[in-house]
Amino acid sequence: MKNLFLIFSSVPKIATDDYVGFTFFLGCMAMMAAAAFFFLSMNSFDKKWRTSILVSGLITFIAAVHYWYMRDYWYAHEQSPTFFRYVDWLLTVPLMCVEFYLILKVAGAKKSLMWRLIVLSVVMLVTGYLGEAVYRDQAWLWGLISGIAYFIIVYDIWFGKAKKIAEEAGGAVLSAHKTLCWFVLVGWAIYPIGYMAGTPGWYEGIFGGLAMDVVYNIGDAINKIGFGLVVYNLAVKSSANS
């Protein structure tokens, strides 16, 4: 009982107007629930889809762990946990790129496609971190480089080899690919908005009033859980038809 009391007595209080703290807590719980769902549902599918569901579970589990730390960091310092956030992204965003390869693997996608997307995502994230945390006076330049890598990813999945492979596969694979493409085009666009809200530049007059962490937290929950649900739905349809 004493240990239980210590645990609950150390839980930080959340102010009613602390929207950043609220979204950190909500994001942590949502990611945990999603990870449990994906892990527990793995054995419900054919073997060829289990890796995809496993990756979905890993993405949300890694995010849940980082959100736990980021939530505590925010309560302790009331500062954006930039370092923890980018560590999370450096693990989870490449895994989201792996999801594209895994759903297209059944249609003959090669590992070169996966590695291209992974390298581009790492470039996007590393340059984003440099602009947001290291060279803030040149944030616009590093953000531009990060944005170029992002748009190359968008082009590859919407118009490049990934799109052609998805069209050849057709059916549920093509439908899932299109949905993931929309997540990258629209959902991932939330991150540049958060970046501009938290760094100095010509865009301050447009995005300067936004709460950077709230934007990032909402974007993470939508994109990471949404990615997993798209893959889950594809696995359900494919297993039912086999």
Protein backbone atom coordinates (compact mmCIF):
# COMPACT_ATOMS: atom_id res chain seq x y z
CA MET A 1 0.00 0.00 0.00
CA LYS A 2 2.87 2.36 0.79
CA ASN A 3 4.40 1.84 -2.66
CA LEU A 4 1.01 2.36 -4.30
CA PHE A 5 0.60 5.62 -2.39
CA LEU A 6 4.03 6.79 -3.53
CA ILE A 7 3.17 6.06 -7.15
CA PHE A 8 -0.06 8.05 -7.09
CA SER A 9 1.38 10.85 -4.95
CA SER A 10 4.10 11.40 -7.58
CA VAL A 11 1.60 11.77 -10.44
CA PRO A 12 1.76 15.40 -11.61
CA LYS A 13 -1.33 17.59 -11.50
CA ILE A 14 -2.74 18.74 -14.83
CA ALA A 15 -4.09 22.27 -14.98
CA THR A 16 -7.48 22.57 -16.65
CA ASP A 17 -6.01 24.84 -19.33
CA ASP A 18 -2.82 22.80 -19.89
CA TYR A 19 -3.69 21.57 -23.36
CA VAL A 20 -0.11 20.48 -24.05
CA GLY A 21 -0.05 18.27 -20.95
CA PHE A 22 -3.49 16.91 -21.79
CA THR A 23 -2.48 15.92 -25.33
CA PHE A 24 0.72 14.27 -24.03
CA PHE A 25 -1.35 12.20 -21.59
CA LEU A 26 -4.02 11.38 -24.19
CA GLY A 27 -1.39 10.49 -26.80
CA CYS A 28 0.38 8.16 -24.36
CA MET A 29 -2.84 6.30 -23.49
CA ALA A 30 -3.98 6.09 -27.12
CA MET A 31 -0.63 4.70 -28.29
CA MET A 32 -0.58 2.12 -25.48
CA ALA A 33 -4.08 0.95 -26.34
CA ALA A 34 -3.26 0.75 -30.06
CA ALA A 35 -0.05 -1.22 -29.40
CA ALA A 36 -1.92 -3.74 -27.24
CA PHE A 37 -4.59 -4.09 -29.92
CA PHE A 38 -2.10 -4.75 -32.72
CA PHE A 39 0.05 -7.18 -30.73
CA LEU A 40 -2.94 -9.20 -29.49
CA SER A 41 -4.48 -9.43 -32.97
CA MET A 42 -1.36 -10.74 -34.74
CA ASN A 43 -2.28 -14.41 -34.59
CA SER A 44 -5.65 -13.71 -36.19
CA PHE A 45 -4.07 -13.29 -39.63
CA ASP A 46 -2.22 -15.24 -42.25
CA LYS A 47 1.52 -15.52 -41.70
CA LYS A 48 2.35 -13.09 -44.53
CA TRP A 49 0.51 -10.26 -42.72
CA ARG A 50 1.82 -10.85 -39.20
CA THR A 51 5.00 -8.87 -39.78
CA SER A 52 2.97 -5.87 -40.94
CA ILE A 53 0.78 -6.02 -37.84
CA LEU A 54 3.88 -6.48 -35.67
CA VAL A 55 5.44 -3.33 -37.17
CA SER A 56 2.21 -1.41 -36.50
CA GLY A 57 2.38 -2.55 -32.89
CA LEU A 58 6.05 -1.56 -32.61
CA ILE A 59 5.35 1.91 -34.00
CA THR A 60 2.63 2.63 -31.45
CA PHE A 61 4.49 0.93 -28.58
CA ILE A 62 7.67 2.94 -29.18
CA ALA A 63 5.57 6.10 -29.39
CA ALA A 64 3.75 5.24 -26.14
CA VAL A 65 7.05 4.83 -24.26
CA HIS A 66 8.38 8.12 -25.57
CA TYR A 67 5.12 9.91 -24.82
CA TRP A 68 5.37 8.67 -21.23
CA TYR A 69 8.79 10.32 -20.93
CA MET A 70 7.73 13.44 -22.84
CA ARG A 71 4.69 13.87 -20.63
CA ASP A 72 6.84 13.76 -17.46
CA TYR A 73 9.42 16.09 -19.03
CA TRP A 74 6.73 18.64 -19.83
CA TYR A 75 5.31 18.54 -16.30
CA ALA A 76 8.78 18.91 -14.77
CA HIS A 77 10.14 21.68 -16.99
CA GLU A 78 7.20 23.08 -19.04
CA GLN A 79 9.46 22.97 -22.08
CA SER A 80 9.06 21.14 -25.34
CA PRO A 81 10.79 17.70 -25.16
CA THR A 82 12.40 18.15 -28.56
CA PHE A 83 15.16 15.57 -28.05
CA PHE A 84 12.77 12.79 -26.96
CA ARG A 85 10.38 13.63 -29.79
CA TYR A 86 13.02 13.31 -32.49
CA VAL A 87 14.36 10.08 -31.00
CA ASP A 88 10.81 8.76 -31.26
CA TRP A 89 10.47 9.90 -34.86
CA LEU A 90 13.86 8.48 -35.87
CA LEU A 91 12.54 5.07 -34.80
CA THR A 92 8.89 5.23 -35.81
CA VAL A 93 8.90 7.18 -39.10
CA PRO A 94 11.31 4.76 -40.86
CA LEU A 95 9.08 1.93 -39.58
CA MET A 96 6.11 3.67 -41.20
CA CYS A 97 8.10 3.65 -44.44
CA VAL A 98 8.70 -0.08 -43.92
CA GLU A 99 4.91 -0.50 -43.86
CA PHE A 100 4.74 0.69 -47.48
CA TYR A 101 7.24 -1.97 -48.48
CA LEU A 102 5.49 -4.72 -46.53
CA ILE A 103 2.08 -4.15 -48.10
CA LEU A 104 3.65 -3.93 -51.57
CA LYS A 105 5.95 -6.90 -51.01
CA VAL A 106 3.17 -9.27 -52.01
CA ALA A 107 3.09 -7.48 -55.38
CA GLY A 108 6.83 -7.81 -55.96
CA ALA A 109 8.28 -4.68 -54.33
CA LYS A 110 12.05 -4.83 -53.81
CA LYS A 111 13.99 -3.85 -50.71
CA SER A 112 15.60 -0.98 -52.63
CA LEU A 113 12.24 0.83 -52.45
CA MET A 114 12.14 0.37 -48.69
CA TRP A 115 15.69 1.64 -48.17
CA ARG A 116 15.09 4.65 -50.39
CA LEU A 117 12.09 5.68 -48.30
CA ILE A 118 13.96 5.02 -45.05
CA VAL A 119 16.99 7.13 -46.09
CA LEU A 120 14.75 10.00 -47.21
CA SER A 121 12.83 9.88 -43.93
CA VAL A 122 16.08 9.97 -41.91
CA VAL A 123 17.32 12.97 -43.93
CA MET A 124 13.97 14.67 -43.34
CA LEU A 125 14.17 14.10 -39.58
CA VAL A 126 17.87 14.85 -39.01
CA THR A 127 17.68 18.17 -40.86
CA GLY A 128 14.46 18.98 -39.03
CA TYR A 129 16.17 18.39 -35.69
CA LEU A 130 19.15 20.53 -36.69
CA GLY A 131 16.81 23.41 -37.53
CA GLU A 132 14.61 23.04 -34.48
CA ALA A 133 17.22 22.34 -31.79
CA VAL A 134 20.75 23.15 -32.99
CA TYR A 135 20.82 25.88 -35.65
CA ARG A 136 17.66 27.77 -34.85
CA ASP A 137 18.89 30.96 -36.52
CA GLN A 138 18.96 29.00 -39.79
CA ALA A 139 15.76 27.06 -39.13
CA TRP A 140 14.26 28.10 -42.46
CA LEU A 141 17.20 26.56 -44.36
CA TRP A 142 17.18 23.24 -42.50
CA GLY A 143 13.39 23.19 -42.74
CA LEU A 144 13.68 23.65 -46.51
CA ILE A 145 16.06 20.68 -46.82
CA SER A 146 13.74 18.60 -44.61
CA GLY A 147 10.78 19.65 -46.76
CA ILE A 148 12.54 18.62 -49.98
CA ALA A 149 13.14 15.12 -48.58
CA TYR A 150 9.46 14.99 -47.56
CA PHE A 151 8.23 15.95 -51.02
CA ILE A 152 10.48 13.34 -52.65
CA ILE A 153 8.80 10.73 -50.43
CA VAL A 154 5.40 12.09 -51.47
CA TYR A 155 6.37 11.90 -55.14
CA ASP A 156 7.70 8.34 -54.82
CA ILE A 157 4.55 6.95 -53.24
CA TRP A 158 2.04 8.98 -55.29
CA PHE A 159 3.65 8.85 -58.75
CA GLY A 160 6.81 6.71 -58.58
CA LYS A 161 7.61 3.02 -58.43
CA ALA A 162 5.52 2.42 -55.31
CA LYS A 163 2.40 3.70 -57.10
CA LYS A 164 3.04 1.48 -60.14
CA ILE A 165 3.48 -1.63 -57.98
CA ALA A 166 0.28 -0.83 -56.07
CA GLU A 167 -1.65 -0.43 -59.33
CA GLU A 168 -0.36 -3.78 -60.59
CA ALA A 169 -1.50 -5.43 -57.35
CA GLY A 170 -4.93 -3.76 -57.46
CA GLY A 171 -7.75 -4.60 -55.07
CA ALA A 172 -7.24 -4.18 -51.32
CA VAL A 173 -3.50 -3.50 -51.70
CA LEU A 174 -4.11 -0.53 -54.01
CA SER A 175 -6.83 0.79 -51.70
CA ALA A 176 -4.57 0.54 -48.65
CA HIS A 177 -1.69 2.16 -50.53
CA LYS A 178 -3.86 5.12 -51.53
CA THR A 179 -5.02 5.61 -47.95
CA LEU A 180 -1.45 5.54 -46.63
CA CYS A 181 -0.49 8.03 -49.35
CA TRP A 182 -3.17 10.42 -48.08
CA PHE A 183 -1.82 10.02 -44.54
CA VAL A 184 1.63 11.05 -45.76
CA LEU A 185 0.36 13.95 -47.88
CA VAL A 186 -2.15 15.37 -45.40
CA GLY A 187 -1.29 13.82 -42.03
CA TRP A 188 2.46 14.33 -42.25
CA ALA A 189 1.88 17.94 -43.36
CA ILE A 190 0.97 18.64 -39.73
CA TYR A 191 4.64 18.32 -38.79
CA PRO A 192 5.94 21.22 -40.93
CA ILE A 193 3.22 23.36 -39.36
CA GLY A 194 4.46 22.39 -35.89
CA TYR A 195 8.04 23.05 -37.00
CA MET A 196 7.16 26.56 -38.20
CA ALA A 197 5.17 27.21 -35.02
CA GLY A 198 8.24 26.49 -32.89
CA THR A 199 11.12 28.01 -34.86
CA PRO A 200 12.02 31.57 -35.93
CA GLY A 201 11.62 32.58 -39.56
CA TRP A 202 9.60 34.51 -42.11
CA TYR A 203 6.60 32.31 -41.25
CA GLU A 204 6.35 33.42 -37.61
CA GLY A 205 3.56 35.83 -38.40
CA ILE A 206 1.44 32.95 -39.77
CA PHE A 207 2.15 30.06 -37.41
CA GLY A 208 3.78 31.75 -34.42
CA GLY A 209 0.63 31.68 -32.29
CA LEU A 210 0.11 27.92 -32.52
CA ALA A 211 1.09 25.55 -29.71
CA MET A 212 3.80 23.47 -31.36
CA ASP A 213 3.49 20.48 -29.03
CA VAL A 214 -0.29 20.29 -29.38
CA VAL A 215 0.10 20.20 -33.18
CA TYR A 216 2.77 17.49 -32.97
CA ASN A 217 0.84 15.40 -30.43
CA ILE A 218 -2.38 15.40 -32.44
CA GLY A 219 -0.46 14.62 -35.63
CA ASP A 220 1.37 11.70 -34.01
CA ALA A 221 -1.81 10.08 -32.71
CA ILE A 222 -3.62 10.41 -36.03
CA ASN A 223 -0.74 9.25 -38.20
CA LYS A 224 0.74 6.40 -36.18
CA ILE A 225 -2.51 4.82 -35.08
CA GLY A 226 -4.12 5.55 -38.45
CA PHE A 227 -1.25 3.89 -40.34
CA GLY A 228 -1.66 0.79 -38.23
CA LEU A 229 -5.41 0.64 -38.72
CA VAL A 230 -5.03 0.86 -42.50
CA VAL A 231 -2.62 -2.08 -42.46
CA TYR A 232 -4.91 -3.96 -40.05
CA ASN A 233 -7.89 -3.44 -42.38
CA LEU A 234 -5.84 -4.70 -45.36
CA ALA A 235 -4.83 -7.81 -43.39
CA VAL A 236 -8.49 -8.47 -42.45
CA LYS A 237 -9.65 -8.21 -46.08
CA SER A 238 -6.80 -10.29 -47.47
CA SER A 239 -7.20 -13.02 -44.86
CA ALA A 240 -10.95 -13.18 -45.47
CA ASN A 241 -10.42 -13.61 -49.23
CA SER A 242 -7.74 -16.29 -48.92
